[in-house]
Amino acid sequence: MVQTSLTAPVSFTKSAIEELKRVVAADSSGKYLRVGAKGGGCSGLSYVLEMDDRTENDEMYEVEGVPFIMDKNHGLYLYGMEINWDNGLNNRGFTFTNPNASKTCGCGSSFAV
């Protein structure tokens, strides 16, 4: 049994929850949804939202039926972040509103702290 924390460091909008439930249900790899950050991008760090294997440094969370993993060290960069799903004609994809970001790039997938 996977233990989950009661308080997730990030939140999801209703549209993100719907899309992530679809993505997780469609994945048959046995991997977990990972929320995180990695070095790179034009602002220094890039957001990670992908299916991945769980490591010993990951913590497990669940928000409104969406289970996900996050490296313990990424809370410093992502705590309080909201993930949204845009499904419009001009924009389609996940967007990130991160109160810890001191700057972001134009595409919204890269940030600095």
C-alpha atoms as a PDB file:
ATOM      1  CA  MET A   1       0.000   0.000   0.000  1.00  0.00           C
ATOM      2  CA  VAL A   2       1.279   3.485  -0.901  1.00  0.00           C
ATOM      3  CA  GLN A   3       1.079   6.020   1.895  1.00  0.00           C
ATOM      4  CA  THR A   4       0.058   9.542   0.957  1.00  0.00           C
ATOM      5  CA  SER A   5       0.609  12.830   2.724  1.00  0.00           C
ATOM      6  CA  LEU A   6      -2.418  14.795   3.858  1.00  0.00           C
ATOM      7  CA  THR A   7      -1.107  18.147   2.632  1.00  0.00           C
ATOM      8  CA  ALA A   8       0.107  18.354  -0.957  1.00  0.00           C
ATOM      9  CA  PRO A   9       2.632  21.098  -1.748  1.00  0.00           C
ATOM     10  CA  VAL A  10       0.905  21.951  -5.051  1.00  0.00           C
ATOM     11  CA  SER A  11      -2.713  22.302  -6.157  1.00  0.00           C
ATOM     12  CA  PHE A  12      -4.592  21.613  -9.379  1.00  0.00           C
ATOM     13  CA  THR A  13      -7.479  23.473 -10.966  1.00  0.00           C
ATOM     14  CA  LYS A  14     -10.631  21.552 -11.843  1.00  0.00           C
ATOM     15  CA  SER A  15      -9.628  21.370 -15.516  1.00  0.00           C
ATOM     16  CA  ALA A  16      -6.139  20.080 -14.596  1.00  0.00           C
ATOM     17  CA  ILE A  17      -7.645  17.393 -12.363  1.00  0.00           C
ATOM     18  CA  GLU A  18      -9.908  16.208 -15.180  1.00  0.00           C
ATOM     19  CA  GLU A  19      -7.040  16.054 -17.687  1.00  0.00           C
ATOM     20  CA  LEU A  20      -4.619  14.397 -15.258  1.00  0.00           C
ATOM     21  CA  LYS A  21      -7.182  11.724 -14.366  1.00  0.00           C
ATOM     22  CA  ARG A  22      -7.497  10.999 -18.094  1.00  0.00           C
ATOM     23  CA  VAL A  23      -3.712  10.858 -18.558  1.00  0.00           C
ATOM     24  CA  VAL A  24      -3.121   8.618 -15.527  1.00  0.00           C
ATOM     25  CA  ALA A  25      -5.967   6.262 -16.519  1.00  0.00           C
ATOM     26  CA  ALA A  26      -4.579   5.954 -20.059  1.00  0.00           C
ATOM     27  CA  ASP A  27      -1.070   5.066 -18.834  1.00  0.00           C
ATOM     28  CA  SER A  28      -0.467   1.338 -18.471  1.00  0.00           C
ATOM     29  CA  SER A  29       3.253   1.523 -17.653  1.00  0.00           C
ATOM     30  CA  GLY A  30       2.818   1.256 -13.881  1.00  0.00           C
ATOM     31  CA  LYS A  31       4.610   4.577 -13.428  1.00  0.00           C
ATOM     32  CA  TYR A  32       3.520   7.501 -11.282  1.00  0.00           C
ATOM     33  CA  LEU A  33       2.629  11.048 -12.228  1.00  0.00           C
ATOM     34  CA  ARG A  34       5.646  13.177 -11.303  1.00  0.00           C
ATOM     35  CA  VAL A  35       5.435  16.870 -10.448  1.00  0.00           C
ATOM     36  CA  GLY A  36       8.817  18.516 -10.164  1.00  0.00           C
ATOM     37  CA  ALA A  37      11.508  20.811 -11.452  1.00  0.00           C
ATOM     38  CA  LYS A  38      14.773  20.240 -13.263  1.00  0.00           C
ATOM     39  CA  GLY A  39      17.671  22.368 -14.382  1.00  0.00           C
ATOM     40  CA  GLY A  40      17.297  23.872 -17.831  1.00  0.00           C
ATOM     41  CA  GLY A  41      15.111  26.191 -19.817  1.00  0.00           C
ATOM     42  CA  CYS A  42      15.745  29.841 -20.537  1.00  0.00           C
ATOM     43  CA  SER A  43      15.146  30.920 -16.917  1.00  0.00           C
ATOM     44  CA  GLY A  44      17.256  28.225 -15.216  1.00  0.00           C
ATOM     45  CA  LEU A  45      14.635  25.666 -14.096  1.00  0.00           C
ATOM     46  CA  SER A  46      11.893  23.858 -15.998  1.00  0.00           C
ATOM     47  CA  TYR A  47       8.699  22.305 -14.691  1.00  0.00           C
ATOM     48  CA  VAL A  48       8.310  18.533 -14.819  1.00  0.00           C
ATOM     49  CA  LEU A  49       4.894  16.920 -15.268  1.00  0.00           C
ATOM     50  CA  GLU A  50       5.329  13.378 -16.570  1.00  0.00           C
ATOM     51  CA  MET A  51       4.893   9.691 -15.841  1.00  0.00           C
ATOM     52  CA  ASP A  52       7.979   8.351 -14.047  1.00  0.00           C
ATOM     53  CA  ASP A  53       9.305   5.666 -11.714  1.00  0.00           C
ATOM     54  CA  ARG A  54       9.196   6.355  -8.001  1.00  0.00           C
ATOM     55  CA  THR A  55      12.549   6.804  -6.232  1.00  0.00           C
ATOM     56  CA  GLU A  56      13.475   6.627  -2.566  1.00  0.00           C
ATOM     57  CA  ASN A  57      13.605  10.447  -2.361  1.00  0.00           C
ATOM     58  CA  ASP A  58      10.000  10.840  -3.582  1.00  0.00           C
ATOM     59  CA  GLU A  59       6.988  11.611  -1.456  1.00  0.00           C
ATOM     60  CA  MET A  60       3.530  10.454  -2.517  1.00  0.00           C
ATOM     61  CA  TYR A  61       0.560  12.831  -2.539  1.00  0.00           C
ATOM     62  CA  GLU A  62      -3.026  12.798  -3.723  1.00  0.00           C
ATOM     63  CA  VAL A  63      -5.221  15.743  -4.695  1.00  0.00           C
ATOM     64  CA  GLU A  64      -8.889  15.062  -5.472  1.00  0.00           C
ATOM     65  CA  GLY A  65      -8.226  11.530  -6.641  1.00  0.00           C
ATOM     66  CA  VAL A  66      -5.041  12.361  -8.572  1.00  0.00           C
ATOM     67  CA  PRO A  67      -2.044  10.567  -7.024  1.00  0.00           C
ATOM     68  CA  PHE A  68       1.406  11.995  -7.779  1.00  0.00           C
ATOM     69  CA  ILE A  69       5.002  11.846  -6.626  1.00  0.00           C
ATOM     70  CA  MET A  70       7.413  14.684  -5.980  1.00  0.00           C
ATOM     71  CA  ASP A  71      11.057  14.707  -4.933  1.00  0.00           C
ATOM     72  CA  LYS A  72      11.320  15.924  -1.326  1.00  0.00           C
ATOM     73  CA  ASN A  73      13.816  18.602  -2.372  1.00  0.00           C
ATOM     74  CA  HIS A  74      11.511  20.188  -4.971  1.00  0.00           C
ATOM     75  CA  GLY A  75       9.096  21.591  -2.378  1.00  0.00           C
ATOM     76  CA  LEU A  76      11.450  24.537  -1.959  1.00  0.00           C
ATOM     77  CA  TYR A  77      10.784  25.552  -5.571  1.00  0.00           C
ATOM     78  CA  LEU A  78       7.184  24.437  -5.990  1.00  0.00           C
ATOM     79  CA  TYR A  79       5.359  24.899  -2.661  1.00  0.00           C
ATOM     80  CA  GLY A  80       2.073  26.731  -3.253  1.00  0.00           C
ATOM     81  CA  MET A  81       2.155  26.279  -7.034  1.00  0.00           C
ATOM     82  CA  GLU A  82      -1.104  25.821  -8.949  1.00  0.00           C
ATOM     83  CA  ILE A  83      -1.243  23.690 -12.082  1.00  0.00           C
ATOM     84  CA  ASN A  84      -3.938  24.449 -14.654  1.00  0.00           C
ATOM     85  CA  TRP A  85      -5.010  22.835 -17.924  1.00  0.00           C
ATOM     86  CA  ASP A  86      -5.832  25.216 -20.788  1.00  0.00           C
ATOM     87  CA  ASN A  87      -7.867  23.768 -23.627  1.00  0.00           C
ATOM     88  CA  GLY A  88      -8.486  26.822 -25.799  1.00  0.00           C
ATOM     89  CA  LEU A  89      -7.899  27.556 -29.461  1.00  0.00           C
ATOM     90  CA  ASN A  90      -4.788  29.649 -28.802  1.00  0.00           C
ATOM     91  CA  ASN A  91      -3.402  27.748 -25.829  1.00  0.00           C
ATOM     92  CA  ARG A  92      -3.535  24.069 -25.036  1.00  0.00           C
ATOM     93  CA  GLY A  93      -1.580  22.427 -22.266  1.00  0.00           C
ATOM     94  CA  PHE A  94      -0.621  22.671 -18.645  1.00  0.00           C
ATOM     95  CA  THR A  95       0.269  26.039 -17.157  1.00  0.00           C
ATOM     96  CA  PHE A  96       1.989  26.735 -13.850  1.00  0.00           C
ATOM     97  CA  THR A  97       1.377  29.584 -11.404  1.00  0.00           C
ATOM     98  CA  ASN A  98       4.307  29.483  -9.020  1.00  0.00           C
ATOM     99  CA  PRO A  99       4.515  32.016  -6.154  1.00  0.00           C
ATOM    100  CA  ASN A 100       8.194  31.092  -5.649  1.00  0.00           C
ATOM    101  CA  ALA A 101       9.281  32.083  -9.160  1.00  0.00           C
ATOM    102  CA  SER A 102      11.207  35.350  -9.330  1.00  0.00           C
ATOM    103  CA  LYS A 103      10.923  35.311 -13.133  1.00  0.00           C
ATOM    104  CA  THR A 104       9.433  33.114 -15.837  1.00  0.00           C
ATOM    105  CA  CYS A 105      10.012  32.825 -19.542  1.00  0.00           C
ATOM    106  CA  GLY A 106       7.454  33.653 -22.216  1.00  0.00           C
ATOM    107  CA  CYS A 107       6.419  30.035 -22.730  1.00  0.00           C
ATOM    108  CA  GLY A 108       5.646  29.586 -19.009  1.00  0.00           C
ATOM    109  CA  SER A 109       7.498  26.288 -18.640  1.00  0.00           C
ATOM    110  CA  SER A 110      10.732  27.768 -17.308  1.00  0.00           C
ATOM    111  CA  PHE A 111      11.356  29.771 -14.144  1.00  0.00           C
ATOM    112  CA  ALA A 112      13.955  31.122 -11.722  1.00  0.00           C
ATOM    113  CA  VAL A 113      13.839  31.463  -7.926  1.00  0.00           C
END
